[in-house]
Amino acid sequence: MNVNEIYKIISDLIPLDLCEDWDNSGLLVNMDNDVDRVLVTLDITKEVIREAEAKGCKLILSHHPVIFKGVKKVKRTDLISLLIKKDISAICMHTNLDSVMGGVNDVLAGIIGLNDVEIFADMGRKGTLSEPVTVRELAEKVSGALKAPVKYTLGENTVKTVALIGGSAGSSWEQALNEGIDVFLTGEVSHHNALDAMHEGMPMIAAGHYGTEIIIVKHLAETLSGKIPGVSFIGSETDRDPFSYVFETEKAEQPVFRRAARQRR
């Protein structure tokens, strides 16, 4: 099937009118090629492009856009150049895949066991837990379900209602607070958003950008395999969290700060 035909079907299922204004989703690299295998990934990297070539995938479907900010120059080693050189097209479905029913945030809500799920802040979701738990207990559950390192604030608070947005949405804690939500879950939270939320008594759980969104890859591949006959969708095996993590086993000694001695002239 031609890549343009595949793109039409995918964009009907994951409409582009759900995208945020600042987003750049769509058929971003169009080689106008015929495709029978598609590699599904969170990010397009050099390793993912090599994997696509090795597996005979003439199309990569990613969540994060391979072209996001304005491109003013292109080098031979850039991802766009590599895709063109290998005759591989790229479809990127970003905030529309966050928002669409059955997308990133619905999958995330299902994984952590939310009930009575509703839309939150346009693309996010909110719902209730089966029973009240502490923030720490919920963070531990999220960490186990996502197999990801998780940070949290106000761990002793008991919570029942949860709002969530995968990826980076730390500033949305204020809307969660205004709606009377008990805890807000996202991928990335800035230091100052965490402090401000703590000041207002709003617990937050940060489960990593990668951890809260990589969950869509398998789900998307399985869903689309049943929607487009004759085209196989396979999840990437080389897509990785860009970060490695150091886990502290002992409390680090606190530094001692002293006034520097004034040097005599």
Protein backbone atom coordinates (compact mmCIF):
# COMPACT_ATOMS: atom_id res chain seq x y z
CA MET A 1 0.00 0.00 0.00
CA ASN A 2 1.29 3.47 -0.81
CA VAL A 3 2.38 5.56 2.16
CA ASN A 4 -0.18 8.24 1.30
CA GLU A 5 -3.00 5.68 1.52
CA ILE A 6 -1.72 4.47 4.89
CA TYR A 7 -1.46 8.06 6.11
CA LYS A 8 -5.08 8.74 5.11
CA ILE A 9 -6.31 5.77 7.15
CA ILE A 10 -4.17 6.63 10.18
CA SER A 11 -5.17 10.30 10.13
CA ASP A 12 -8.82 9.28 9.98
CA LEU A 13 -8.30 7.16 13.11
CA ILE A 14 -6.12 9.76 14.86
CA PRO A 15 -7.46 13.10 13.52
CA LEU A 16 -5.02 15.95 13.07
CA ASP A 17 -7.63 18.46 14.23
CA LEU A 18 -6.97 17.15 17.75
CA CYS A 19 -3.42 18.56 17.62
CA GLU A 20 -2.37 21.50 19.74
CA ASP A 21 -1.57 24.70 17.82
CA TRP A 22 2.15 24.42 18.55
CA ASP A 23 2.41 20.82 17.41
CA ASN A 24 3.83 19.42 14.15
CA SER A 25 2.16 16.10 13.39
CA GLY A 26 1.47 14.40 10.08
CA LEU A 27 3.32 12.79 7.18
CA LEU A 28 6.55 14.66 7.84
CA VAL A 29 8.84 12.71 5.50
CA ASN A 30 7.02 11.51 2.39
CA MET A 31 9.03 9.26 0.06
CA ASP A 32 5.84 8.35 -1.83
CA ASN A 33 6.86 4.71 -1.43
CA ASP A 34 4.96 1.44 -1.20
CA VAL A 35 4.87 -0.04 2.28
CA ASP A 36 4.07 -3.48 3.67
CA ARG A 37 5.85 -3.18 7.05
CA VAL A 38 5.73 -0.25 9.48
CA LEU A 39 8.01 0.25 12.48
CA VAL A 40 6.18 1.86 15.42
CA THR A 41 8.25 3.85 17.93
CA LEU A 42 8.10 6.64 20.47
CA ASP A 43 11.09 8.48 18.97
CA ILE A 44 12.90 8.39 15.65
CA THR A 45 16.63 7.96 16.29
CA LYS A 46 19.57 6.71 14.22
CA GLU A 47 19.17 3.32 15.85
CA VAL A 48 15.46 3.20 14.98
CA ILE A 49 16.19 4.11 11.35
CA ARG A 50 18.79 1.31 11.15
CA GLU A 51 16.26 -1.09 12.65
CA ALA A 52 13.62 -0.04 10.12
CA GLU A 53 16.06 -0.64 7.26
CA ALA A 54 17.10 -4.03 8.63
CA LYS A 55 13.48 -5.14 9.01
CA GLY A 56 12.37 -3.91 5.61
CA CYS A 57 10.12 -1.18 7.02
CA LYS A 58 9.70 1.62 4.49
CA LEU A 59 7.65 3.66 6.99
CA ILE A 60 8.26 4.66 10.60
CA LEU A 61 5.27 5.70 12.71
CA SER A 62 6.35 7.68 15.76
CA HIS A 63 4.69 9.60 18.56
CA HIS A 64 7.26 12.40 18.78
CA PRO A 65 7.74 14.47 15.60
CA VAL A 66 11.03 14.01 13.76
CA ILE A 67 10.63 17.64 12.64
CA PHE A 68 9.41 19.83 15.49
CA LYS A 69 11.00 23.25 15.48
CA GLY A 70 11.64 25.18 12.30
CA VAL A 71 14.35 23.55 10.17
CA LYS A 72 16.78 26.12 8.74
CA LYS A 73 19.52 23.80 7.54
CA VAL A 74 20.01 20.06 7.03
CA LYS A 75 23.28 18.11 7.34
CA ARG A 76 24.08 14.77 5.72
CA THR A 77 23.99 13.10 9.15
CA ASP A 78 20.65 14.56 10.28
CA LEU A 79 17.71 12.23 10.83
CA ILE A 80 15.80 13.76 7.91
CA SER A 81 18.75 13.10 5.59
CA LEU A 82 19.08 9.52 6.85
CA LEU A 83 15.40 8.84 6.26
CA ILE A 84 15.58 10.17 2.72
CA LYS A 85 18.80 8.26 2.00
CA LYS A 86 17.19 5.01 3.17
CA ASP A 87 13.92 5.73 1.31
CA ILE A 88 11.95 5.61 4.58
CA SER A 89 8.87 7.78 5.17
CA ALA A 90 7.87 9.09 8.60
CA ILE A 91 4.38 9.64 10.01
CA CYS A 92 4.36 11.37 13.40
CA MET A 93 1.21 11.52 15.55
CA HIS A 94 1.88 13.62 18.62
CA THR A 95 -0.71 15.58 20.62
CA ASN A 96 -3.54 14.14 18.54
CA LEU A 97 -2.46 10.69 19.75
CA ASP A 98 -2.45 12.05 23.32
CA SER A 99 -6.00 13.35 22.94
CA VAL A 100 -7.77 10.71 20.84
CA MET A 101 -9.93 8.11 22.58
CA GLY A 102 -7.79 5.01 23.06
CA GLY A 103 -4.59 7.08 22.78
CA VAL A 104 -1.69 7.68 25.14
CA ASN A 105 -3.65 9.01 28.09
CA ASP A 106 -6.41 6.41 27.92
CA VAL A 107 -3.79 3.66 27.88
CA LEU A 108 -2.02 5.29 30.84
CA ALA A 109 -5.30 5.59 32.76
CA GLY A 110 -6.00 1.91 32.11
CA ILE A 111 -2.56 0.81 33.27
CA ILE A 112 -2.89 2.52 36.65
CA GLY A 113 -6.46 1.27 37.08
CA LEU A 114 -8.60 4.41 36.87
CA ASN A 115 -12.38 4.04 36.87
CA ASP A 116 -15.04 6.41 35.49
CA VAL A 117 -12.48 8.01 33.18
CA GLU A 118 -13.27 11.46 31.74
CA ILE A 119 -11.39 14.08 29.71
CA PHE A 120 -9.12 16.42 31.66
CA ALA A 121 -7.45 19.57 30.24
CA ASP A 122 -8.33 18.69 26.62
CA MET A 123 -5.83 15.89 26.11
CA GLY A 124 -5.53 14.40 29.61
CA ARG A 125 -7.76 12.07 31.60
CA LYS A 126 -9.15 11.97 35.13
CA GLY A 127 -10.84 9.23 37.11
CA THR A 128 -11.04 7.42 40.43
CA LEU A 129 -9.09 4.63 42.05
CA SER A 130 -10.91 1.56 43.31
CA GLU A 131 -9.91 2.45 46.87
CA PRO A 132 -8.03 5.27 48.59
CA VAL A 133 -4.25 4.94 48.81
CA THR A 134 -1.40 7.17 49.87
CA VAL A 135 0.50 9.10 47.21
CA ARG A 136 3.54 6.94 47.94
CA GLU A 137 1.53 3.75 47.45
CA LEU A 138 0.17 5.04 44.15
CA ALA A 139 3.67 6.07 43.04
CA GLU A 140 4.92 2.57 43.82
CA LYS A 141 2.06 1.07 41.80
CA VAL A 142 2.78 3.37 38.86
CA SER A 143 6.49 2.53 39.01
CA GLY A 144 5.73 -1.19 38.94
CA ALA A 145 3.17 -0.91 36.14
CA LEU A 146 5.38 1.26 33.92
CA LYS A 147 8.65 -0.35 35.00
CA ALA A 148 9.98 3.16 35.38
CA PRO A 149 11.58 5.31 38.09
CA VAL A 150 8.99 7.57 39.71
CA LYS A 151 9.17 10.73 41.84
CA TYR A 152 6.38 12.07 44.04
CA THR A 153 5.52 14.81 46.51
CA LEU A 154 3.39 14.80 49.68
CA GLY A 155 3.63 11.01 49.87
CA GLU A 156 1.62 10.69 53.07
CA ASN A 157 -1.53 12.24 51.58
CA THR A 158 -4.45 9.87 50.95
CA VAL A 159 -5.85 10.10 47.41
CA LYS A 160 -8.79 8.68 45.48
CA THR A 161 -9.16 10.90 42.38
CA VAL A 162 -6.36 11.18 39.81
CA ALA A 163 -5.74 13.49 36.85
CA LEU A 164 -3.03 12.58 34.37
CA ILE A 165 -1.28 13.74 31.21
CA GLY A 166 1.59 11.69 29.78
CA GLY A 167 4.81 13.40 28.77
CA SER A 168 5.57 16.90 30.03
CA ALA A 169 2.60 18.69 31.59
CA GLY A 170 3.79 19.78 35.03
CA SER A 171 2.04 23.15 34.90
CA SER A 172 -1.39 21.49 34.61
CA TRP A 173 -1.39 20.78 38.35
CA GLU A 174 -3.28 24.06 38.86
CA GLN A 175 -6.24 22.84 36.83
CA ALA A 176 -6.23 19.59 38.79
CA LEU A 177 -6.29 21.61 42.01
CA ASN A 178 -9.14 23.80 40.75
CA GLU A 179 -11.17 20.71 39.84
CA GLY A 180 -10.71 19.20 43.31
CA ILE A 181 -8.50 16.33 42.10
CA ASP A 182 -6.46 14.58 44.82
CA VAL A 183 -3.23 13.95 42.85
CA PHE A 184 -1.79 14.90 39.46
CA LEU A 185 0.32 12.44 37.46
CA THR A 186 2.53 13.33 34.49
CA GLY A 187 5.95 12.52 33.07
CA GLU A 188 8.04 15.60 33.78
CA VAL A 189 7.59 18.25 36.48
CA SER A 190 9.86 21.26 36.97
CA HIS A 191 11.34 21.98 40.39
CA HIS A 192 9.31 25.17 40.76
CA ASN A 193 6.02 23.58 39.66
CA ALA A 194 6.59 20.92 42.32
CA LEU A 195 7.26 23.57 44.98
CA ASP A 196 4.21 25.62 44.01
CA ALA A 197 1.97 22.56 44.01
CA MET A 198 3.30 21.45 47.41
CA HIS A 199 2.59 24.91 48.79
CA GLU A 200 -1.04 24.50 47.74
CA GLY A 201 -1.18 20.96 49.14
CA MET A 202 -1.44 19.36 45.67
CA PRO A 203 0.48 16.06 45.41
CA MET A 204 2.27 15.27 42.16
CA ILE A 205 3.71 12.10 40.66
CA ALA A 206 6.37 12.33 37.92
CA ALA A 207 6.89 9.02 36.14
CA GLY A 208 9.18 10.18 33.34
CA HIS A 209 8.45 11.42 29.83
CA TYR A 210 9.55 8.14 28.29
CA GLY A 211 7.86 6.00 30.94
CA THR A 212 4.44 7.60 30.55
CA GLU A 213 4.42 7.45 26.74
CA ILE A 214 6.34 4.34 25.60
CA ILE A 215 3.22 2.37 26.60
CA ILE A 216 1.47 3.53 23.41
CA VAL A 217 3.85 1.72 21.03
CA LYS A 218 2.64 -1.85 21.56
CA HIS A 219 -0.99 -0.74 21.78
CA LEU A 220 -0.74 1.29 18.56
CA ALA A 221 0.99 -1.50 16.64
CA GLU A 222 -1.66 -4.04 17.68
CA THR A 223 -4.55 -1.68 16.93
CA LEU A 224 -3.37 -0.66 13.47
CA SER A 225 -2.47 -4.22 12.47
CA GLY A 226 -6.17 -4.99 12.56
CA LYS A 227 -7.19 -1.84 10.68
CA ILE A 228 -4.98 -1.93 7.57
CA PRO A 229 -4.98 -5.32 5.81
CA GLY A 230 -1.74 -6.34 4.13
CA VAL A 231 0.41 -4.02 6.23
CA SER A 232 2.29 -5.26 9.32
CA PHE A 233 2.92 -2.91 12.26
CA ILE A 234 5.76 -3.90 14.58
CA GLY A 235 7.03 -2.24 17.74
CA SER A 236 10.61 -0.99 17.78
CA GLU A 237 13.16 -2.98 19.77
CA THR A 238 15.83 -0.28 19.69
CA ASP A 239 13.85 2.73 20.95
CA ARG A 240 15.22 3.57 24.39
CA ASP A 241 14.88 6.12 27.16
CA PRO A 242 17.66 8.64 26.44
CA PHE A 243 18.50 8.68 30.16
CA SER A 244 20.27 6.11 32.30
CA TYR A 245 19.62 6.26 36.02
CA VAL A 246 21.73 6.10 39.18
CA PHE A 247 19.89 4.78 42.20
CA GLU A 248 21.22 6.11 45.48
CA THR A 249 21.62 3.37 48.11
CA GLU A 250 22.76 5.51 51.02
CA LYS A 251 21.90 9.02 52.03
CA ALA A 252 24.58 11.33 50.69
CA GLU A 253 26.50 13.38 53.24
CA GLN A 254 25.25 16.95 53.23
CA PRO A 255 27.84 19.52 52.15
CA VAL A 256 29.11 22.01 54.72
CA PHE A 257 29.21 25.60 53.51
CA ARG A 258 31.73 27.97 55.09
CA ARG A 259 32.48 31.59 54.44
CA ALA A 260 35.60 31.82 52.33
CA ALA A 261 38.54 33.32 54.19
CA ARG A 262 39.31 36.84 52.98
CA GLN A 263 42.71 36.89 51.42
CA ARG A 264 45.10 39.49 52.82
CA ARG A 265 46.82 41.76 50.35
